Amino acid sequence: MTQWSILDTWIVIVGSLCAAACALPGTLLVLRKMSMMGDAISHTVLAGLAIAFLVTHRRDPATMFVGAVVIGLVTALLIQLVGSLGRTEIGASMGIVFTSLFAMGLVLMRQAIDHVEIDPDCVLYGAIEASYFDQITWMGMNLPRAAIINGGAGIFNLLLIVVLYKEFKVSAFDPALSTTLGINANVMHYLLMTMTAVTTVAAFETVGSILVIAMLIVPPATAYLLTDRLSFMMCWSVLLAILAAIFGHVSAVTVPTWFGFGGTSTAGMMAFCAGLIFVAVWLLAPRHGVLSKVFHRCILQLRIVREDVLGLLYRLEELPSSHELSATPALLQGILGVGPVVSTLAVSSLTRRGYIEHRSGQLHLTNQGRRAGRHLIRSHRLWESFLQKHLHLASDHVHEPAEQLEHITDAAMQNQLAERTNQPQTDPHGKKIP
């Protein structure tokens, strides 16, 4: 890795400001299932830039910015109109509008390209590496213009969300409810579109029209896997966006050197790192991660098998001496229909917890295990009585549903079952209820 310089520091700052500014409206876009709206607006920015230049014959940043924001809002309005008047779903409306305006932008850009310096790579991928050299004086300091623009967009987004947090929250989750509560859902929609347009235009020069969608959507989509609260989701979105910007630039200047190359696009690596963070969270998120779900399912399955073992051992103890079976691990596997690995894990767990003990190659309940088994069998037989009495199921149809319900029955629910079934002494099969 080459020596870190002030240029690298400002690239990271500009990238972080850009990513954080995009993450705020991106969170609301993800919740409203309008993730591709940012992509649509980012593509139509070209038309806004070209129209602004052809109308004013000026290419100063303010003129370009206004033109791009206006075309962004027009894009949102046209998508809404095409969807409502043309009776098309939102995805089709976006495809119709943004491809048409993007094509128009390419044609107009072709007309303007002879009169103004336009770098196609900058249009597509941004020029964050060169942002440090385009400086303006602000409050007596020379700062990169991209830092001020992206920082200003971020502050604008933050203030708008703080002031209208409740309105954005309600309209994002339930537009019909927001209208009922006196919140104009259409106004909130176009405020969000304004935020998206301003942010997309601000980020255009930094990460380009193609990669801005990664900054808008990937961090919020990642945060969506980490929390179910909107405020936390926004905080996570901003944090993950900043991390993607930091690791993106560090990776851009280090990873290519491992393979003998000089470096690569920082904006591209920012998007790539955002994707890597998403994959990691998608796999490992505590509640919604793929591996976490598999782990929780395995834990649940193991708990059910443990309880089934306790229930089976209790039933075996109920048998008369002349019919008593040897409670061996092989017998448990055969009756419960589980594999040797799951059975071994369940028996080992119950042994460590003091619920069962091994004597002469057989499994026996301890006093603690017997109490747990009695609770499970009582729940099972009460459910059978309840299902027969209140749902009028035949006695030969109550076992299987009761076998599932017994695993979610606590003491309070057990008492309610007993009351609803008039404290029965036996179940529908004539077996004693403990």
Protein backbone atom coordinates (compact mmCIF):
# COMPACT_ATOMS: atom_id res chain seq x y z
CA MET A 1 0.00 0.00 0.00
CA THR A 2 1.25 3.47 -0.87
CA GLN A 3 1.68 6.03 1.87
CA TRP A 4 -1.56 7.56 3.13
CA SER A 5 -1.96 11.21 2.14
CA ILE A 6 -4.32 14.12 2.59
CA LEU A 7 -5.84 13.13 -0.75
CA ASP A 8 -6.82 9.71 0.66
CA THR A 9 -8.30 11.34 3.76
CA TRP A 10 -10.52 13.63 1.71
CA ILE A 11 -11.58 10.80 -0.59
CA VAL A 12 -12.76 8.88 2.48
CA ILE A 13 -14.51 11.98 3.89
CA VAL A 14 -16.28 12.76 0.61
CA GLY A 15 -17.25 9.11 0.15
CA SER A 16 -18.57 8.87 3.71
CA LEU A 17 -20.62 12.05 3.35
CA CYS A 18 -22.02 10.84 0.04
CA ALA A 19 -22.88 7.38 1.38
CA ALA A 20 -24.45 8.73 4.58
CA ALA A 21 -26.55 11.26 2.64
CA CYS A 22 -27.80 8.49 0.34
CA ALA A 23 -28.59 6.09 3.20
CA LEU A 24 -31.23 8.34 4.78
CA PRO A 25 -33.74 8.57 1.90
CA GLY A 26 -32.68 5.08 0.84
CA THR A 27 -34.09 3.70 4.09
CA LEU A 28 -37.52 5.10 3.30
CA LEU A 29 -37.32 3.90 -0.30
CA VAL A 30 -36.59 0.35 0.88
CA LEU A 31 -39.51 0.43 3.32
CA ARG A 32 -41.87 1.76 0.65
CA LYS A 33 -40.68 -0.94 -1.79
CA MET A 34 -39.45 1.75 -4.18
CA SER A 35 -35.77 0.82 -4.18
CA MET A 36 -35.35 1.33 -7.92
CA MET A 37 -36.68 4.90 -7.80
CA GLY A 38 -33.17 6.09 -6.99
CA ASP A 39 -31.85 4.18 -9.98
CA ALA A 40 -34.47 5.76 -12.22
CA ILE A 41 -33.68 9.28 -11.02
CA SER A 42 -29.91 8.73 -11.26
CA HIS A 43 -30.25 7.76 -14.93
CA THR A 44 -32.50 10.66 -15.84
CA VAL A 45 -30.04 13.14 -14.29
CA LEU A 46 -28.24 13.09 -17.64
CA ALA A 47 -31.26 14.64 -19.32
CA GLY A 48 -31.44 17.35 -16.64
CA LEU A 49 -27.77 18.23 -17.07
CA ALA A 50 -28.06 18.39 -20.86
CA ILE A 51 -31.26 20.46 -20.82
CA ALA A 52 -29.80 22.88 -18.27
CA PHE A 53 -26.75 23.44 -20.47
CA LEU A 54 -28.64 23.72 -23.76
CA VAL A 55 -31.13 26.20 -22.26
CA THR A 56 -28.67 28.43 -20.38
CA HIS A 57 -25.44 27.74 -22.34
CA ARG A 58 -23.74 27.71 -18.96
CA ARG A 59 -22.13 24.84 -17.10
CA ASP A 60 -21.71 26.33 -13.67
CA PRO A 61 -22.52 23.86 -10.84
CA ALA A 62 -25.61 25.72 -9.58
CA THR A 63 -27.31 25.65 -13.00
CA MET A 64 -26.50 21.99 -13.53
CA PHE A 65 -27.71 21.15 -10.03
CA VAL A 66 -31.07 22.87 -10.50
CA GLY A 67 -31.61 21.23 -13.89
CA ALA A 68 -30.82 17.79 -12.52
CA VAL A 69 -33.07 18.18 -9.46
CA VAL A 70 -35.97 19.41 -11.61
CA ILE A 71 -35.68 16.44 -13.98
CA GLY A 72 -35.48 14.14 -10.98
CA LEU A 73 -38.79 15.45 -9.66
CA VAL A 74 -40.29 15.23 -13.15
CA THR A 75 -39.18 11.59 -13.26
CA ALA A 76 -41.00 10.83 -9.99
CA LEU A 77 -44.12 12.63 -11.21
CA LEU A 78 -44.11 10.84 -14.58
CA ILE A 79 -43.68 7.45 -12.92
CA GLN A 80 -46.69 8.19 -10.72
CA LEU A 81 -48.76 9.36 -13.68
CA VAL A 82 -47.84 6.41 -15.90
CA GLY A 83 -48.67 4.04 -13.07
CA SER A 84 -52.08 5.58 -12.34
CA LEU A 85 -53.21 6.51 -15.86
CA GLY A 86 -51.65 3.56 -17.65
CA ARG A 87 -52.69 1.07 -14.96
CA THR A 88 -49.20 -0.43 -14.78
CA GLU A 89 -47.43 -1.60 -11.65
CA ILE A 90 -44.67 0.58 -10.19
CA GLY A 91 -41.76 -1.44 -11.62
CA ALA A 92 -43.09 -1.21 -15.16
CA SER A 93 -43.74 2.52 -14.75
CA MET A 94 -40.15 3.07 -13.64
CA GLY A 95 -38.84 1.07 -16.58
CA ILE A 96 -40.91 3.04 -19.09
CA VAL A 97 -40.04 6.48 -17.73
CA PHE A 98 -36.39 6.15 -16.82
CA THR A 99 -35.37 4.35 -20.04
CA SER A 100 -37.14 6.98 -22.13
CA LEU A 101 -35.64 9.92 -20.25
CA PHE A 102 -32.23 8.26 -20.09
CA ALA A 103 -32.28 7.79 -23.87
CA MET A 104 -33.34 11.41 -24.31
CA GLY A 105 -30.49 12.44 -22.04
CA LEU A 106 -27.97 10.53 -24.17
CA VAL A 107 -29.27 12.22 -27.34
CA LEU A 108 -29.15 15.68 -25.75
CA MET A 109 -25.72 14.97 -24.26
CA ARG A 110 -24.52 14.15 -27.76
CA GLN A 111 -25.65 17.61 -28.84
CA ALA A 112 -23.89 19.28 -25.92
CA ILE A 113 -20.68 17.27 -25.98
CA ASP A 114 -19.08 19.46 -28.66
CA HIS A 115 -19.49 22.53 -26.49
CA VAL A 116 -18.52 21.29 -23.06
CA GLU A 117 -16.00 18.85 -21.66
CA ILE A 118 -17.85 15.67 -20.64
CA ASP A 119 -16.09 12.54 -19.46
CA PRO A 120 -18.29 9.47 -20.00
CA ASP A 121 -16.46 7.57 -17.25
CA CYS A 122 -17.22 10.39 -14.80
CA VAL A 123 -20.88 10.24 -15.81
CA LEU A 124 -21.06 6.50 -15.18
CA TYR A 125 -18.68 5.95 -12.25
CA GLY A 126 -18.08 9.38 -10.76
CA ALA A 127 -14.77 11.09 -10.05
CA ILE A 128 -14.33 10.82 -6.31
CA GLU A 129 -10.55 10.51 -6.69
CA ALA A 130 -10.42 13.99 -8.27
CA SER A 131 -12.86 15.61 -5.84
CA TYR A 132 -10.06 17.01 -3.63
CA PHE A 133 -8.71 19.20 -6.45
CA ASP A 134 -12.03 20.99 -7.09
CA GLN A 135 -12.02 23.28 -4.06
CA ILE A 136 -14.05 26.29 -3.06
CA THR A 137 -13.66 28.70 -0.20
CA TRP A 138 -16.21 28.26 2.59
CA MET A 139 -16.02 30.14 5.89
CA GLY A 140 -12.41 31.02 5.17
CA MET A 141 -11.41 27.42 4.43
CA ASN A 142 -10.60 25.75 1.16
CA LEU A 143 -12.73 22.59 1.00
CA PRO A 144 -13.57 20.15 -1.78
CA ARG A 145 -16.81 21.18 -3.44
CA ALA A 146 -18.04 17.57 -3.38
CA ALA A 147 -17.67 17.48 0.42
CA ILE A 148 -19.81 20.61 0.82
CA ILE A 149 -22.45 19.42 -1.67
CA ASN A 150 -22.76 15.91 -0.23
CA GLY A 151 -22.56 17.20 3.33
CA GLY A 152 -25.26 19.75 2.56
CA ALA A 153 -27.47 17.05 1.05
CA GLY A 154 -26.96 14.92 4.13
CA ILE A 155 -27.87 17.77 6.48
CA PHE A 156 -30.92 18.61 4.35
CA ASN A 157 -32.08 14.98 4.52
CA LEU A 158 -31.42 14.71 8.25
CA LEU A 159 -33.31 17.90 9.10
CA LEU A 160 -36.26 16.92 6.93
CA ILE A 161 -36.47 13.46 8.53
CA VAL A 162 -36.11 14.81 12.09
CA VAL A 163 -38.83 17.42 11.57
CA LEU A 164 -41.21 15.04 9.78
CA TYR A 165 -40.16 11.73 11.33
CA LYS A 166 -43.65 10.67 12.42
CA GLU A 167 -45.17 11.61 9.06
CA PHE A 168 -42.50 9.74 7.10
CA LYS A 169 -42.85 6.73 9.37
CA VAL A 170 -46.62 6.43 9.10
CA SER A 171 -46.75 7.09 5.35
CA ALA A 172 -43.92 4.58 4.72
CA PHE A 173 -45.70 1.72 6.50
CA ASP A 174 -49.35 2.55 5.76
CA PRO A 175 -50.23 5.39 3.34
CA ALA A 176 -53.95 4.78 3.88
CA LEU A 177 -53.57 5.18 7.64
CA SER A 178 -51.52 8.36 7.19
CA THR A 179 -54.35 9.89 5.14
CA THR A 180 -56.83 8.90 7.86
CA LEU A 181 -54.64 10.62 10.46
CA GLY A 182 -54.57 13.83 8.42
CA ILE A 183 -51.11 13.26 6.90
CA ASN A 184 -51.15 13.84 3.15
CA ALA A 185 -49.52 10.71 1.73
CA ASN A 186 -48.93 12.36 -1.66
CA VAL A 187 -47.10 15.29 -0.07
CA MET A 188 -44.87 12.88 1.89
CA HIS A 189 -44.24 10.89 -1.27
CA TYR A 190 -43.04 13.91 -3.22
CA LEU A 191 -40.99 15.15 -0.27
CA LEU A 192 -39.23 11.77 -0.34
CA MET A 193 -38.79 12.10 -4.10
CA THR A 194 -37.30 15.56 -3.56
CA MET A 195 -34.85 14.15 -1.03
CA THR A 196 -33.97 11.35 -3.43
CA ALA A 197 -33.49 13.71 -6.36
CA VAL A 198 -31.35 16.17 -4.38
CA THR A 199 -29.25 13.37 -2.92
CA THR A 200 -28.83 11.60 -6.25
CA VAL A 201 -27.71 14.78 -7.98
CA ALA A 202 -25.35 15.62 -5.13
CA ALA A 203 -23.83 12.12 -5.35
CA PHE A 204 -23.77 12.11 -9.16
CA GLU A 205 -20.32 13.60 -9.55
CA THR A 206 -18.94 11.54 -6.66
CA VAL A 207 -20.10 8.03 -7.53
CA GLY A 208 -21.76 8.48 -10.94
CA SER A 209 -25.18 7.61 -12.27
CA ILE A 210 -24.64 3.85 -12.10
CA LEU A 211 -23.15 3.34 -8.66
CA VAL A 212 -25.37 5.79 -6.78
CA ILE A 213 -28.05 3.11 -6.55
CA ALA A 214 -25.65 1.00 -4.46
CA MET A 215 -25.25 3.85 -1.98
CA LEU A 216 -29.00 4.46 -1.87
CA ILE A 217 -30.18 0.89 -1.42
CA VAL A 218 -27.52 -1.56 -0.22
CA PRO A 219 -26.82 -0.05 3.26
CA PRO A 220 -30.55 0.36 4.07
CA ALA A 221 -31.27 -3.17 2.80
CA THR A 222 -28.48 -4.42 5.07
CA ALA A 223 -29.83 -2.47 8.04
CA TYR A 224 -33.29 -3.93 7.34
CA LEU A 225 -31.86 -7.34 8.31
CA LEU A 226 -30.49 -6.02 11.61
CA THR A 227 -33.47 -4.29 13.20
CA ASP A 228 -37.22 -3.87 13.02
CA ARG A 229 -37.26 -0.26 14.30
CA LEU A 230 -37.11 2.60 11.81
CA SER A 231 -34.90 4.88 13.93
CA PHE A 232 -32.36 2.11 14.50
CA MET A 233 -32.56 1.15 10.84
CA MET A 234 -31.61 4.67 9.78
CA CYS A 235 -28.70 4.74 12.22
CA TRP A 236 -27.48 1.36 11.02
CA SER A 237 -27.86 2.48 7.39
CA VAL A 238 -25.68 5.53 7.91
CA LEU A 239 -23.05 3.57 9.88
CA LEU A 240 -22.87 0.77 7.31
CA ALA A 241 -22.71 3.30 4.47
CA ILE A 242 -19.75 5.04 6.10
CA LEU A 243 -18.02 1.71 6.70
CA ALA A 244 -18.52 0.81 3.03
CA ALA A 245 -16.94 4.13 2.00
CA ILE A 246 -13.94 3.67 4.30
CA PHE A 247 -13.27 0.06 3.40
CA GLY A 248 -14.02 0.81 -0.23
CA HIS A 249 -11.19 3.31 -0.59
CA VAL A 250 -8.77 1.25 1.49
CA SER A 251 -9.56 -1.78 -0.68
CA ALA A 252 -9.23 0.27 -3.87
CA VAL A 253 -5.64 1.23 -3.07
CA THR A 254 -4.52 -2.06 -1.49
CA VAL A 255 -6.29 -5.08 -2.99
CA PRO A 256 -5.19 -4.49 -6.65
CA THR A 257 -1.55 -4.33 -5.51
CA TRP A 258 -1.83 -7.94 -4.33
CA PHE A 259 -2.31 -8.93 -7.96
CA GLY A 260 0.25 -6.58 -9.45
CA PHE A 261 -2.12 -3.74 -10.42
CA GLY A 262 -1.83 -0.08 -9.43
CA GLY A 263 -5.35 0.56 -8.13
CA THR A 264 -8.99 0.68 -9.10
CA SER A 265 -12.08 2.86 -8.84
CA THR A 266 -12.89 3.92 -5.28
CA ALA A 267 -16.60 4.37 -6.09
CA GLY A 268 -16.73 0.86 -7.54
CA MET A 269 -15.01 -0.62 -4.48
CA MET A 270 -17.39 1.30 -2.21
CA ALA A 271 -20.31 -0.43 -3.92
CA PHE A 272 -18.48 -3.77 -3.79
CA CYS A 273 -17.75 -3.42 -0.07
CA ALA A 274 -21.37 -2.44 0.57
CA GLY A 275 -22.34 -5.67 -1.19
CA LEU A 276 -19.87 -7.71 0.89
CA ILE A 277 -21.27 -6.21 4.11
CA PHE A 278 -24.77 -7.09 2.94
CA VAL A 279 -23.78 -10.71 2.25
CA ALA A 280 -22.13 -10.99 5.68
CA VAL A 281 -25.20 -9.60 7.44
CA TRP A 282 -27.52 -11.68 5.27
CA LEU A 283 -25.71 -14.77 6.50
CA LEU A 284 -25.01 -13.80 10.12
CA ALA A 285 -27.70 -11.31 11.25
CA PRO A 286 -28.96 -12.35 14.73
CA ARG A 287 -32.63 -12.68 13.75
CA HIS A 288 -32.94 -12.60 9.96
CA GLY A 289 -29.60 -14.06 8.87
CA VAL A 290 -29.66 -17.29 6.90
CA LEU A 291 -27.20 -19.11 9.15
CA SER A 292 -28.85 -17.68 12.26
CA LYS A 293 -32.22 -19.01 11.13
CA VAL A 294 -30.70 -22.43 10.49
CA PHE A 295 -29.06 -22.35 13.91
CA HIS A 296 -32.31 -21.37 15.66
CA ARG A 297 -34.21 -24.09 13.79
CA CYS A 298 -31.63 -26.66 14.90
CA ILE A 299 -31.88 -25.45 18.50
CA LEU A 300 -35.69 -25.63 18.31
CA GLN A 301 -35.58 -29.12 16.83
CA LEU A 302 -33.17 -30.25 19.56
CA ARG A 303 -35.47 -28.82 22.28
CA ILE A 304 -38.48 -30.63 20.82
CA VAL A 305 -36.56 -33.92 20.64
CA ARG A 306 -35.41 -33.46 24.27
CA GLU A 307 -39.01 -32.98 25.37
CA ASP A 308 -40.13 -35.94 23.27
CA VAL A 309 -37.50 -38.08 25.02
CA LEU A 310 -38.78 -36.99 28.43
CA GLY A 311 -42.37 -37.67 27.40
CA LEU A 312 -41.50 -41.11 26.01
CA LEU A 313 -39.56 -42.12 29.14
CA TYR A 314 -42.49 -40.99 31.29
CA ARG A 315 -44.91 -43.06 29.19
CA LEU A 316 -42.62 -46.08 29.50
CA GLU A 317 -42.68 -45.72 33.29
CA GLU A 318 -46.49 -45.77 33.16
CA LEU A 319 -46.50 -49.23 31.59
CA PRO A 320 -47.19 -52.21 33.86
CA SER A 321 -44.11 -54.16 34.89
CA SER A 322 -45.06 -57.03 32.64
CA HIS A 323 -45.08 -54.72 29.60
CA GLU A 324 -42.10 -52.57 30.54
CA LEU A 325 -39.66 -51.94 27.68
CA SER A 326 -35.94 -51.37 27.96
CA ALA A 327 -35.42 -47.64 27.45
CA THR A 328 -32.31 -47.81 25.30
CA PRO A 329 -31.05 -45.12 22.89
CA ALA A 330 -31.89 -47.42 19.97
CA LEU A 331 -35.50 -47.71 21.18
CA LEU A 332 -35.78 -43.92 21.45
CA GLN A 333 -34.51 -43.46 17.91
CA GLY A 334 -36.97 -46.03 16.57
CA ILE A 335 -40.05 -44.68 18.35
CA LEU A 336 -39.29 -40.98 17.87
CA GLY A 337 -38.09 -41.39 14.30
CA VAL A 338 -34.97 -39.25 14.69
CA GLY A 339 -31.44 -39.84 13.51
CA PRO A 340 -28.60 -41.04 15.74
CA VAL A 341 -26.89 -37.63 15.78
CA VAL A 342 -29.97 -35.73 16.99
CA SER A 343 -30.85 -38.50 19.44
CA THR A 344 -27.34 -38.55 20.88
CA LEU A 345 -27.27 -34.77 21.25
CA ALA A 346 -30.67 -34.76 22.96
CA VAL A 347 -29.74 -37.55 25.40
CA SER A 348 -26.37 -35.95 26.17
CA SER A 349 -28.04 -32.58 26.83
CA LEU A 350 -30.65 -34.14 29.14
CA THR A 351 -27.93 -36.05 31.00
CA ARG A 352 -25.86 -32.90 31.55
CA ARG A 353 -28.93 -31.08 32.85
CA GLY A 354 -29.73 -33.86 35.29
CA TYR A 355 -33.01 -34.95 33.70
CA ILE A 356 -31.99 -38.52 32.87
CA GLU A 357 -29.33 -40.97 33.99
CA HIS A 358 -27.79 -44.12 32.55
CA ARG A 359 -28.07 -47.38 34.46
CA SER A 360 -27.11 -50.76 33.01
CA GLY A 361 -27.26 -49.44 29.46
CA GLN A 362 -30.76 -48.04 29.93
CA LEU A 363 -32.09 -44.50 30.33
CA HIS A 364 -34.02 -43.54 33.45
CA LEU A 365 -35.69 -40.33 34.52
CA THR A 366 -34.38 -38.53 37.55
CA ASN A 367 -36.81 -36.79 39.89
CA GLN A 368 -36.23 -33.54 38.02
CA GLY A 369 -36.74 -35.26 34.67
CA ARG A 370 -39.88 -36.98 35.91
CA ARG A 371 -41.40 -33.62 36.88
CA ALA A 372 -40.60 -32.23 33.44
CA GLY A 373 -42.01 -35.32 31.73
CA ARG A 374 -45.17 -35.16 33.87
CA HIS A 375 -45.70 -31.52 32.84
CA LEU A 376 -45.34 -32.42 29.16
CA ILE A 377 -47.69 -35.42 29.32
CA ARG A 378 -50.25 -33.41 31.27
CA SER A 379 -50.18 -30.71 28.56
CA HIS A 380 -50.52 -33.34 25.84
CA ARG A 381 -53.52 -35.09 27.38
CA LEU A 382 -55.25 -31.85 28.30
CA TRP A 383 -54.93 -30.72 24.68
CA GLU A 384 -56.42 -34.01 23.54
CA SER A 385 -59.38 -33.46 25.86
CA PHE A 386 -59.77 -29.86 24.70
CA LEU A 387 -59.64 -30.78 21.01
CA GLN A 388 -62.24 -33.50 21.46
CA LYS A 389 -64.60 -31.41 23.61
CA HIS A 390 -64.46 -28.05 21.85
CA LEU A 391 -63.41 -28.91 18.28
CA HIS A 392 -65.28 -32.22 18.21
CA LEU A 393 -62.34 -34.17 16.85
CA ALA A 394 -62.51 -37.94 17.01
CA SER A 395 -60.34 -39.59 19.64
CA ASP A 396 -58.07 -41.07 16.95
CA HIS A 397 -57.45 -37.58 15.46
CA VAL A 398 -56.34 -35.66 18.55
CA HIS A 399 -52.91 -37.16 19.17
CA GLU A 400 -50.92 -35.51 16.39
CA PRO A 401 -52.09 -31.88 16.95
CA ALA A 402 -51.70 -32.34 20.72
CA GLU A 403 -48.15 -33.60 20.12
CA GLN A 404 -47.31 -30.28 18.46
CA LEU A 405 -49.18 -28.04 20.90
CA GLU A 406 -47.62 -29.63 23.99
CA HIS A 407 -44.27 -27.99 23.16
CA ILE A 408 -45.67 -24.44 23.38
CA THR A 409 -47.77 -24.89 26.53
CA ASP A 410 -46.65 -23.16 29.71
CA ALA A 411 -48.11 -23.56 33.22
CA ALA A 412 -50.65 -20.74 32.79
CA MET A 413 -51.98 -22.14 29.53
CA GLN A 414 -52.09 -25.60 31.09
CA ASN A 415 -54.31 -24.27 33.91
CA GLN A 416 -56.62 -22.63 31.35
CA LEU A 417 -56.90 -25.91 29.46
CA ALA A 418 -57.81 -27.73 32.65
CA GLU A 419 -60.53 -25.17 33.43
CA ARG A 420 -61.97 -25.25 29.90
CA THR A 421 -62.17 -29.05 30.02
CA ASN A 422 -63.62 -29.19 33.60
CA GLN A 423 -60.51 -30.70 35.22
CA PRO A 424 -60.67 -34.10 33.44
CA GLN A 425 -59.02 -37.10 35.10
CA THR A 426 -58.45 -39.07 31.90
CA ASP A 427 -57.82 -38.19 28.24
CA PRO A 428 -60.01 -39.36 25.31
CA HIS A 429 -58.05 -42.63 25.20
CA GLY A 430 -58.75 -43.42 28.85
CA LYS A 431 -55.23 -42.65 30.02
CA LYS A 432 -54.79 -40.86 33.33
CA ILE A 433 -53.93 -37.17 33.16
CA PRO A 434 -51.07 -36.48 35.63
